[in-house]
Amino acid sequence: LTSSFLSVPRINVKLPKAVTSQIIEPKSLTIVITSQNIFYIDDKPTVLFDIEDLIKKNKYDSVFIKADRDANLGSLVSIWDICKRNGIEKIGLATTSEE
């Protein structure tokens, strides 16, 4: 059994520096909906109007919804609708697997 190593030439590139370069991290918001249909953001209760205002002001890239299985579907749809109205296309729903 034999093997040979092939050497691939590397291209050395020196990147220019830019004063305005920055790392842009995506902004995500997590919303919790309890079985009593209460909305929470950062462990603080909130209302739909404030959620929409927060989304408008912060230009989130995505929203992650953690809804209790007994939460009203209308509550979930309200959040989904707010996201869509404000241009958020990435909406995630938390689930769990049953074993």
PDB file of N, CA and C in Angstrom:
ATOM      1  N   LEU A   1       0.848  -1.167   0.000  1.00  0.00           N
ATOM      2  CA  LEU A   1       0.000   0.000   0.000  1.00  0.00           C
ATOM      3  C   LEU A   1       0.894   1.230   0.000  1.00  0.00           C
ATOM      4  N   THR A   2       0.695   2.082  -0.969  1.00  0.00           N
ATOM      5  CA  THR A   2       1.486   3.306  -1.044  1.00  0.00           C
ATOM      6  C   THR A   2       0.563   4.500  -1.242  1.00  0.00           C
ATOM      7  N   SER A   3       1.058   5.639  -0.893  1.00  0.00           N
ATOM      8  CA  SER A   3       0.308   6.867  -1.150  1.00  0.00           C
ATOM      9  C   SER A   3       1.297   7.964  -1.468  1.00  0.00           C
ATOM     10  N   SER A   4       0.821   8.932  -2.166  1.00  0.00           N
ATOM     11  CA  SER A   4       1.674  10.070  -2.462  1.00  0.00           C
ATOM     12  C   SER A   4       0.926  11.336  -2.080  1.00  0.00           C
ATOM     13  N   PHE A   5       1.660  12.287  -1.615  1.00  0.00           N
ATOM     14  CA  PHE A   5       1.074  13.557  -1.215  1.00  0.00           C
ATOM     15  C   PHE A   5       1.269  14.556  -2.335  1.00  0.00           C
ATOM     16  N   LEU A   6       0.213  15.206  -2.659  1.00  0.00           N
ATOM     17  CA  LEU A   6       0.255  16.199  -3.716  1.00  0.00           C
ATOM     18  C   LEU A   6       0.276  17.576  -3.064  1.00  0.00           C
ATOM     19  N   SER A   7       1.218  18.362  -3.413  1.00  0.00           N
ATOM     20  CA  SER A   7       1.328  19.696  -2.847  1.00  0.00           C
ATOM     21  C   SER A   7       0.609  20.688  -3.756  1.00  0.00           C
ATOM     22  N   VAL A   8      -0.380  21.373  -3.162  1.00  0.00           N
ATOM     23  CA  VAL A   8      -1.126  22.373  -3.922  1.00  0.00           C
ATOM     24  C   VAL A   8      -0.533  23.741  -3.590  1.00  0.00           C
ATOM     25  N   PRO A   9      -0.103  24.460  -4.621  1.00  0.00           N
ATOM     26  CA  PRO A   9       0.483  25.771  -4.331  1.00  0.00           C
ATOM     27  C   PRO A   9      -0.555  26.709  -3.721  1.00  0.00           C
ATOM     28  N   ARG A  10      -0.141  27.484  -2.750  1.00  0.00           N
ATOM     29  CA  ARG A  10      -1.015  28.451  -2.100  1.00  0.00           C
ATOM     30  C   ARG A  10      -0.842  29.802  -2.760  1.00  0.00           C
ATOM     31  N   ILE A  11      -1.914  30.511  -2.790  1.00  0.00           N
ATOM     32  CA  ILE A  11      -1.862  31.874  -3.309  1.00  0.00           C
ATOM     33  C   ILE A  11      -1.907  32.806  -2.115  1.00  0.00           C
ATOM     34  N   ASN A  12      -0.870  33.581  -1.966  1.00  0.00           N
ATOM     35  CA  ASN A  12      -0.797  34.529  -0.872  1.00  0.00           C
ATOM     36  C   ASN A  12      -1.456  35.838  -1.286  1.00  0.00           C
ATOM     37  N   VAL A  13      -2.442  36.256  -0.514  1.00  0.00           N
ATOM     38  CA  VAL A  13      -3.141  37.509  -0.802  1.00  0.00           C
ATOM     39  C   VAL A  13      -3.135  38.348   0.461  1.00  0.00           C
ATOM     40  N   LYS A  14      -2.718  39.573   0.344  1.00  0.00           N
ATOM     41  CA  LYS A  14      -2.758  40.505   1.463  1.00  0.00           C
ATOM     42  C   LYS A  14      -3.979  41.395   1.274  1.00  0.00           C
ATOM     43  N   LEU A  15      -4.929  41.231   2.179  1.00  0.00           N
ATOM     44  CA  LEU A  15      -6.172  41.985   2.058  1.00  0.00           C
ATOM     45  C   LEU A  15      -5.988  43.421   2.524  1.00  0.00           C
ATOM     46  N   PRO A  16      -6.620  44.353   1.842  1.00  0.00           N
ATOM     47  CA  PRO A  16      -6.523  45.750   2.259  1.00  0.00           C
ATOM     48  C   PRO A  16      -7.359  45.994   3.512  1.00  0.00           C
ATOM     49  N   LYS A  17      -6.994  46.984   4.287  1.00  0.00           N
ATOM     50  CA  LYS A  17      -7.747  47.364   5.472  1.00  0.00           C
ATOM     51  C   LYS A  17      -8.738  48.450   5.089  1.00  0.00           C
ATOM     52  N   ALA A  18      -9.891  48.412   5.748  1.00  0.00           N
ATOM     53  CA  ALA A  18     -10.907  49.439   5.514  1.00  0.00           C
ATOM     54  C   ALA A  18     -11.367  49.983   6.855  1.00  0.00           C
ATOM     55  N   VAL A  19     -11.492  51.273   6.914  1.00  0.00           N
ATOM     56  CA  VAL A  19     -11.928  51.921   8.150  1.00  0.00           C
ATOM     57  C   VAL A  19     -13.374  51.555   8.449  1.00  0.00           C
ATOM     58  N   THR A  20     -14.173  51.395   7.418  1.00  0.00           N
ATOM     59  CA  THR A  20     -15.604  51.165   7.611  1.00  0.00           C
ATOM     60  C   THR A  20     -15.984  49.700   7.724  1.00  0.00           C
ATOM     61  N   SER A  21     -15.016  48.797   7.688  1.00  0.00           N
ATOM     62  CA  SER A  21     -15.380  47.389   7.761  1.00  0.00           C
ATOM     63  C   SER A  21     -15.874  47.051   9.159  1.00  0.00           C
ATOM     64  N   GLN A  22     -16.896  46.209   9.194  1.00  0.00           N
ATOM     65  CA  GLN A  22     -17.457  45.791  10.465  1.00  0.00           C
ATOM     66  C   GLN A  22     -18.096  44.423  10.308  1.00  0.00           C
ATOM     67  N   ILE A  23     -18.247  43.743  11.413  1.00  0.00           N
ATOM     68  CA  ILE A  23     -18.918  42.460  11.395  1.00  0.00           C
ATOM     69  C   ILE A  23     -20.385  42.717  11.688  1.00  0.00           C
ATOM     70  N   ILE A  24     -21.241  42.281  10.780  1.00  0.00           N
ATOM     71  CA  ILE A  24     -22.676  42.467  10.959  1.00  0.00           C
ATOM     72  C   ILE A  24     -23.282  41.133  11.365  1.00  0.00           C
ATOM     73  N   GLU A  25     -23.787  41.095  12.582  1.00  0.00           N
ATOM     74  CA  GLU A  25     -24.408  39.874  13.070  1.00  0.00           C
ATOM     75  C   GLU A  25     -25.909  39.978  12.873  1.00  0.00           C
ATOM     76  N   PRO A  26     -26.542  38.888  12.453  1.00  0.00           N
ATOM     77  CA  PRO A  26     -27.984  38.927  12.278  1.00  0.00           C
ATOM     78  C   PRO A  26     -28.692  39.176  13.605  1.00  0.00           C
ATOM     79  N   LYS A  27     -29.772  39.929  13.540  1.00  0.00           N
ATOM     80  CA  LYS A  27     -30.536  40.238  14.742  1.00  0.00           C
ATOM     81  C   LYS A  27     -31.758  39.333  14.781  1.00  0.00           C
ATOM     82  N   SER A  28     -31.873  38.591  15.859  1.00  0.00           N
ATOM     83  CA  SER A  28     -32.983  37.662  16.016  1.00  0.00           C
ATOM     84  C   SER A  28     -33.754  37.983  17.296  1.00  0.00           C
ATOM     85  N   LEU A  29     -35.050  37.770  17.249  1.00  0.00           N
ATOM     86  CA  LEU A  29     -35.919  38.018  18.395  1.00  0.00           C
ATOM     87  C   LEU A  29     -36.620  36.727  18.763  1.00  0.00           C
ATOM     88  N   THR A  30     -36.660  36.397  20.054  1.00  0.00           N
ATOM     89  CA  THR A  30     -37.389  35.227  20.527  1.00  0.00           C
ATOM     90  C   THR A  30     -38.622  35.693  21.289  1.00  0.00           C
ATOM     91  N   ILE A  31     -39.780  35.146  20.909  1.00  0.00           N
ATOM     92  CA  ILE A  31     -41.052  35.483  21.552  1.00  0.00           C
ATOM     93  C   ILE A  31     -41.627  34.192  22.130  1.00  0.00           C
ATOM     94  N   VAL A  32     -42.043  34.246  23.384  1.00  0.00           N
ATOM     95  CA  VAL A  32     -42.648  33.102  24.052  1.00  0.00           C
ATOM     96  C   VAL A  32     -44.143  33.378  24.209  1.00  0.00           C
ATOM     97  N   ILE A  33     -44.962  32.354  23.898  1.00  0.00           N
ATOM     98  CA  ILE A  33     -46.407  32.451  24.099  1.00  0.00           C
ATOM     99  C   ILE A  33     -46.797  31.346  25.076  1.00  0.00           C
ATOM    100  N   THR A  34     -47.374  31.727  26.216  1.00  0.00           N
ATOM    101  CA  THR A  34     -47.754  30.750  27.239  1.00  0.00           C
ATOM    102  C   THR A  34     -49.103  30.121  26.917  1.00  0.00           C
ATOM    103  N   SER A  35     -49.474  29.116  27.698  1.00  0.00           N
ATOM    104  CA  SER A  35     -50.769  28.465  27.514  1.00  0.00           C
ATOM    105  C   SER A  35     -51.927  29.421  27.820  1.00  0.00           C
ATOM    106  N   GLN A  36     -51.643  30.502  28.556  1.00  0.00           N
ATOM    107  CA  GLN A  36     -52.662  31.519  28.841  1.00  0.00           C
ATOM    108  C   GLN A  36     -52.627  32.643  27.795  1.00  0.00           C
ATOM    109  N   ASN A  37     -51.867  32.425  26.707  1.00  0.00           N
ATOM    110  CA  ASN A  37     -51.746  33.381  25.598  1.00  0.00           C
ATOM    111  C   ASN A  37     -51.141  34.716  26.035  1.00  0.00           C
ATOM    112  N   ILE A  38     -50.168  34.634  26.920  1.00  0.00           N
ATOM    113  CA  ILE A  38     -49.412  35.815  27.337  1.00  0.00           C
ATOM    114  C   ILE A  38     -48.093  35.785  26.572  1.00  0.00           C
ATOM    115  N   PHE A  39     -47.714  36.932  25.998  1.00  0.00           N
ATOM    116  CA  PHE A  39     -46.483  37.050  25.218  1.00  0.00           C
ATOM    117  C   PHE A  39     -45.354  37.521  26.119  1.00  0.00           C
ATOM    118  N   TYR A  40     -44.180  36.915  25.932  1.00  0.00           N
ATOM    119  CA  TYR A  40     -42.988  37.293  26.697  1.00  0.00           C
ATOM    120  C   TYR A  40     -41.819  37.552  25.748  1.00  0.00           C
ATOM    121  N   ILE A  41     -41.081  38.606  26.048  1.00  0.00           N
ATOM    122  CA  ILE A  41     -39.811  38.875  25.386  1.00  0.00           C
ATOM    123  C   ILE A  41     -38.806  39.154  26.494  1.00  0.00           C
ATOM    124  N   ASP A  42     -37.706  38.435  26.488  1.00  0.00           N
ATOM    125  CA  ASP A  42     -36.683  38.562  27.534  1.00  0.00           C
ATOM    126  C   ASP A  42     -37.286  38.395  28.928  1.00  0.00           C
ATOM    127  N   ASP A  43     -38.142  37.397  29.086  1.00  0.00           N
ATOM    128  CA  ASP A  43     -38.791  37.070  30.357  1.00  0.00           C
ATOM    129  C   ASP A  43     -39.702  38.168  30.891  1.00  0.00           C
ATOM    130  N   LYS A  44     -40.089  39.116  30.034  1.00  0.00           N
ATOM    131  CA  LYS A  44     -40.993  40.195  30.448  1.00  0.00           C
ATOM    132  C   LYS A  44     -42.278  40.105  29.635  1.00  0.00           C
ATOM    133  N   PRO A  45     -43.435  40.154  30.314  1.00  0.00           N
ATOM    134  CA  PRO A  45     -44.695  40.107  29.583  1.00  0.00           C
ATOM    135  C   PRO A  45     -44.857  41.349  28.697  1.00  0.00           C
ATOM    136  N   THR A  46     -45.467  41.163  27.545  1.00  0.00           N
ATOM    137  CA  THR A  46     -45.656  42.267  26.614  1.00  0.00           C
ATOM    138  C   THR A  46     -46.956  42.058  25.837  1.00  0.00           C
ATOM    139  N   VAL A  47     -47.345  43.049  25.061  1.00  0.00           N
ATOM    140  CA  VAL A  47     -48.573  42.975  24.264  1.00  0.00           C
ATOM    141  C   VAL A  47     -48.217  43.090  22.785  1.00  0.00           C
ATOM    142  N   LEU A  48     -49.169  42.705  21.931  1.00  0.00           N
ATOM    143  CA  LEU A  48     -48.917  42.694  20.488  1.00  0.00           C
ATOM    144  C   LEU A  48     -48.461  44.041  19.959  1.00  0.00           C
ATOM    145  N   PHE A  49     -49.080  45.128  20.422  1.00  0.00           N
ATOM    146  CA  PHE A  49     -48.707  46.454  19.944  1.00  0.00           C
ATOM    147  C   PHE A  49     -47.226  46.727  20.212  1.00  0.00           C
ATOM    148  N   ASP A  50     -46.762  46.380  21.402  1.00  0.00           N
ATOM    149  CA  ASP A  50     -45.354  46.611  21.752  1.00  0.00           C
ATOM    150  C   ASP A  50     -44.418  45.699  20.967  1.00  0.00           C
ATOM    151  N   ILE A  51     -44.875  44.492  20.666  1.00  0.00           N
ATOM    152  CA  ILE A  51     -44.059  43.574  19.868  1.00  0.00           C
ATOM    153  C   ILE A  51     -43.861  44.147  18.469  1.00  0.00           C
ATOM    154  N   GLU A  52     -44.945  44.631  17.869  1.00  0.00           N
ATOM    155  CA  GLU A  52     -44.825  45.206  16.528  1.00  0.00           C
ATOM    156  C   GLU A  52     -43.921  46.437  16.544  1.00  0.00           C
ATOM    157  N   ASP A  53     -44.059  47.273  17.546  1.00  0.00           N
ATOM    158  CA  ASP A  53     -43.218  48.462  17.671  1.00  0.00           C
ATOM    159  C   ASP A  53     -41.748  48.081  17.808  1.00  0.00           C
ATOM    160  N   LEU A  54     -41.462  47.058  18.606  1.00  0.00           N
ATOM    161  CA  LEU A  54     -40.092  46.583  18.802  1.00  0.00           C
ATOM    162  C   LEU A  54     -39.505  46.058  17.496  1.00  0.00           C
ATOM    163  N   ILE A  55     -40.293  45.299  16.757  1.00  0.00           N
ATOM    164  CA  ILE A  55     -39.832  44.745  15.480  1.00  0.00           C
ATOM    165  C   ILE A  55     -39.551  45.861  14.475  1.00  0.00           C
ATOM    166  N   LYS A  56     -40.424  46.866  14.427  1.00  0.00           N
ATOM    167  CA  LYS A  56     -40.224  47.987  13.504  1.00  0.00           C
ATOM    168  C   LYS A  56     -38.944  48.758  13.832  1.00  0.00           C
ATOM    169  N   LYS A  57     -38.721  49.011  15.110  1.00  0.00           N
ATOM    170  CA  LYS A  57     -37.571  49.814  15.530  1.00  0.00           C
ATOM    171  C   LYS A  57     -36.239  49.103  15.365  1.00  0.00           C
ATOM    172  N   ASN A  58     -36.210  47.777  15.573  1.00  0.00           N
ATOM    173  CA  ASN A  58     -34.940  47.049  15.613  1.00  0.00           C
ATOM    174  C   ASN A  58     -34.574  46.316  14.334  1.00  0.00           C
ATOM    175  N   LYS A  59     -35.439  46.281  13.357  1.00  0.00           N
ATOM    176  CA  LYS A  59     -35.128  45.665  12.056  1.00  0.00           C
ATOM    177  C   LYS A  59     -34.554  44.257  12.220  1.00  0.00           C
ATOM    178  N   TYR A  60     -35.293  43.395  12.882  1.00  0.00           N
ATOM    179  CA  TYR A  60     -34.837  42.020  13.096  1.00  0.00           C
ATOM    180  C   TYR A  60     -34.775  41.260  11.781  1.00  0.00           C
ATOM    181  N   ASP A  61     -33.805  40.350  11.675  1.00  0.00           N
ATOM    182  CA  ASP A  61     -33.672  39.490  10.500  1.00  0.00           C
ATOM    183  C   ASP A  61     -34.575  38.262  10.621  1.00  0.00           C
ATOM    184  N   SER A  62     -34.786  37.827  11.867  1.00  0.00           N
ATOM    185  CA  SER A  62     -35.584  36.623  12.081  1.00  0.00           C
ATOM    186  C   SER A  62     -36.277  36.686  13.442  1.00  0.00           C
ATOM    187  N   VAL A  63     -37.338  35.887  13.548  1.00  0.00           N
ATOM    188  CA  VAL A  63     -38.080  35.770  14.804  1.00  0.00           C
ATOM    189  C   VAL A  63     -38.250  34.289  15.097  1.00  0.00           C
ATOM    190  N   PHE A  64     -38.030  33.928  16.351  1.00  0.00           N
ATOM    191  CA  PHE A  64     -38.180  32.554  16.811  1.00  0.00           C
ATOM    192  C   PHE A  64     -39.315  32.530  17.820  1.00  0.00           C
ATOM    193  N   ILE A  65     -40.337  31.717  17.581  1.00  0.00           N
ATOM    194  CA  ILE A  65     -41.518  31.670  18.438  1.00  0.00           C
ATOM    195  C   ILE A  65     -41.529  30.367  19.225  1.00  0.00           C
ATOM    196  N   LYS A  66     -41.635  30.492  20.541  1.00  0.00           N
ATOM    197  CA  LYS A  66     -41.777  29.334  21.423  1.00  0.00           C
ATOM    198  C   LYS A  66     -43.190  29.403  22.004  1.00  0.00           C
ATOM    199  N   ALA A  67     -44.110  28.664  21.399  1.00  0.00           N
ATOM    200  CA  ALA A  67     -45.502  28.688  21.832  1.00  0.00           C
ATOM    201  C   ALA A  67     -45.853  27.402  22.564  1.00  0.00           C
ATOM    202  N   ASP A  68     -46.507  27.545  23.707  1.00  0.00           N
ATOM    203  CA  ASP A  68     -46.994  26.395  24.450  1.00  0.00           C
ATOM    204  C   ASP A  68     -47.986  25.628  23.575  1.00  0.00           C
ATOM    205  N   ARG A  69     -47.998  24.310  23.687  1.00  0.00           N
ATOM    206  CA  ARG A  69     -48.894  23.511  22.849  1.00  0.00           C
ATOM    207  C   ARG A  69     -50.364  23.842  23.097  1.00  0.00           C
ATOM    208  N   ASP A  70     -50.687  24.427  24.256  1.00  0.00           N
ATOM    209  CA  ASP A  70     -52.063  24.795  24.566  1.00  0.00           C
ATOM    210  C   ASP A  70     -52.365  26.262  24.260  1.00  0.00           C
ATOM    211  N   ALA A  71     -51.404  26.965  23.699  1.00  0.00           N
ATOM    212  CA  ALA A  71     -51.629  28.367  23.324  1.00  0.00           C
ATOM    213  C   ALA A  71     -52.619  28.425  22.173  1.00  0.00           C
ATOM    214  N   ASN A  72     -53.360  29.510  22.119  1.00  0.00           N
ATOM    215  CA  ASN A  72     -54.342  29.721  21.067  1.00  0.00           C
ATOM    216  C   ASN A  72     -53.627  29.913  19.735  1.00  0.00           C
ATOM    217  N   LEU A  73     -54.103  29.230  18.700  1.00  0.00           N
ATOM    218  CA  LEU A  73     -53.508  29.368  17.378  1.00  0.00           C
ATOM    219  C   LEU A  73     -53.575  30.822  16.901  1.00  0.00           C
ATOM    220  N   GLY A  74     -54.603  31.532  17.298  1.00  0.00           N
ATOM    221  CA  GLY A  74     -54.740  32.937  16.918  1.00  0.00           C
ATOM    222  C   GLY A  74     -53.593  33.791  17.434  1.00  0.00           C
ATOM    223  N   SER A  75     -53.076  33.476  18.607  1.00  0.00           N
ATOM    224  CA  SER A  75     -51.934  34.221  19.155  1.00  0.00           C
ATOM    225  C   SER A  75     -50.706  34.022  18.288  1.00  0.00           C
ATOM    226  N   LEU A  76     -50.482  32.793  17.884  1.00  0.00           N
ATOM    227  CA  LEU A  76     -49.352  32.474  17.023  1.00  0.00           C
ATOM    228  C   LEU A  76     -49.491  33.167  15.665  1.00  0.00           C
ATOM    229  N   VAL A  77     -50.690  33.124  15.099  1.00  0.00           N
ATOM    230  CA  VAL A  77     -50.928  33.755  13.802  1.00  0.00           C
ATOM    231  C   VAL A  77     -50.746  35.267  13.895  1.00  0.00           C
ATOM    232  N   SER A  78     -51.122  35.872  15.002  1.00  0.00           N
ATOM    233  CA  SER A  78     -50.937  37.320  15.186  1.00  0.00           C
ATOM    234  C   SER A  78     -49.459  37.700  15.120  1.00  0.00           C
ATOM    235  N   ILE A  79     -48.614  36.927  15.788  1.00  0.00           N
ATOM    236  CA  ILE A  79     -47.169  37.185  15.752  1.00  0.00           C
ATOM    237  C   ILE A  79     -46.645  36.977  14.331  1.00  0.00           C
ATOM    238  N   TRP A  80     -47.060  35.895  13.702  1.00  0.00           N
ATOM    239  CA  TRP A  80     -46.637  35.587  12.333  1.00  0.00           C
ATOM    240  C   TRP A  80     -47.005  36.742  11.404  1.00  0.00           C
ATOM    241  N   ASP A  81     -48.222  37.258  11.541  1.00  0.00           N
ATOM    242  CA  ASP A  81     -48.701  38.351  10.701  1.00  0.00           C
ATOM    243  C   ASP A  81     -47.885  39.627  10.924  1.00  0.00           C
ATOM    244  N   ILE A  82     -47.569  39.925  12.167  1.00  0.00           N
ATOM    245  CA  ILE A  82     -46.739  41.097  12.481  1.00  0.00           C
ATOM    246  C   ILE A  82     -45.385  40.971  11.786  1.00  0.00           C
ATOM    247  N   CYS A  83     -44.803  39.792  11.859  1.00  0.00           N
ATOM    248  CA  CYS A  83     -43.498  39.568  11.233  1.00  0.00           C
ATOM    249  C   CYS A  83     -43.574  39.790   9.724  1.00  0.00           C
ATOM    250  N   LYS A  84     -44.558  39.201   9.090  1.00  0.00           N
ATOM    251  CA  LYS A  84     -44.703  39.317   7.640  1.00  0.00           C
ATOM    252  C   LYS A  84     -44.949  40.769   7.220  1.00  0.00           C
ATOM    253  N   ARG A  85     -45.779  41.493   7.964  1.00  0.00           N
ATOM    254  CA  ARG A  85     -46.055  42.904   7.654  1.00  0.00           C
ATOM    255  C   ARG A  85     -44.799  43.757   7.709  1.00  0.00           C
ATOM    256  N   ASN A  86     -43.863  43.337   8.542  1.00  0.00           N
ATOM    257  CA  ASN A  86     -42.637  44.110   8.735  1.00  0.00           C
ATOM    258  C   ASN A  86     -41.441  43.524   8.000  1.00  0.00           C
ATOM    259  N   GLY A  87     -41.698  42.666   7.031  1.00  0.00           N
ATOM    260  CA  GLY A  87     -40.641  42.187   6.148  1.00  0.00           C
ATOM    261  C   GLY A  87     -39.782  41.056   6.678  1.00  0.00           C
ATOM    262  N   ILE A  88     -40.184  40.430   7.766  1.00  0.00           N
ATOM    263  CA  ILE A  88     -39.403  39.310   8.297  1.00  0.00           C
ATOM    264  C   ILE A  88     -39.877  38.027   7.629  1.00  0.00           C
ATOM    265  N   GLU A  89     -38.967  37.387   6.920  1.00  0.00           N
ATOM    266  CA  GLU A  89     -39.292  36.151   6.211  1.00  0.00           C
ATOM    267  C   GLU A  89     -38.844  34.910   6.975  1.00  0.00           C
ATOM    268  N   LYS A  90     -37.873  35.077   7.862  1.00  0.00           N
ATOM    269  CA  LYS A  90     -37.346  33.937   8.621  1.00  0.00           C
ATOM    270  C   LYS A  90     -38.062  33.878   9.970  1.00  0.00           C
ATOM    271  N   ILE A  91     -39.023  32.959  10.063  1.00  0.00           N
ATOM    272  CA  ILE A  91     -39.801  32.783  11.289  1.00  0.00           C
ATOM    273  C   ILE A  91     -39.696  31.324  11.686  1.00  0.00           C
ATOM    274  N   GLY A  92     -39.183  31.079  12.879  1.00  0.00           N
ATOM    275  CA  GLY A  92     -39.012  29.711  13.355  1.00  0.00           C
ATOM    276  C   GLY A  92     -39.979  29.391  14.468  1.00  0.00           C
ATOM    277  N   LEU A  93     -40.390  28.123  14.553  1.00  0.00           N
ATOM    278  CA  LEU A  93     -41.270  27.654  15.612  1.00  0.00           C
ATOM    279  C   LEU A  93     -40.557  26.557  16.394  1.00  0.00           C
ATOM    280  N   ALA A  94     -40.535  26.688  17.717  1.00  0.00           N
ATOM    281  CA  ALA A  94     -39.897  25.678  18.561  1.00  0.00           C
ATOM    282  C   ALA A  94     -40.803  24.472  18.660  1.00  0.00           C
ATOM    283  N   THR A  95     -40.209  23.300  18.539  1.00  0.00           N
ATOM    284  CA  THR A  95     -40.940  22.047  18.733  1.00  0.00           C
ATOM    285  C   THR A  95     -40.088  21.108  19.577  1.00  0.00           C
ATOM    286  N   THR A  96     -40.684  20.033  19.996  1.00  0.00           N
ATOM    287  CA  THR A  96     -39.956  19.014  20.729  1.00  0.00           C
ATOM    288  C   THR A  96     -40.361  17.658  20.161  1.00  0.00           C
ATOM    289  N   SER A  97     -39.495  16.676  20.281  1.00  0.00           N
ATOM    290  CA  SER A  97     -39.836  15.346  19.780  1.00  0.00           C
ATOM    291  C   SER A  97     -40.407  14.524  20.916  1.00  0.00           C
ATOM    292  N   GLU A  98     -41.430  13.756  20.633  1.00  0.00           N
ATOM    293  CA  GLU A  98     -42.027  12.864  21.612  1.00  0.00           C
ATOM    294  C   GLU A  98     -41.278  11.545  21.583  1.00  0.00           C
ATOM    295  N   GLU A  99     -40.909  11.033  22.718  1.00  0.00           N
ATOM    296  CA  GLU A  99     -40.196   9.751  22.764  1.00  0.00           C
ATOM    297  C   GLU A  99     -41.030   8.702  23.412  1.00  0.00           C
TER     298      GLU A  99
END
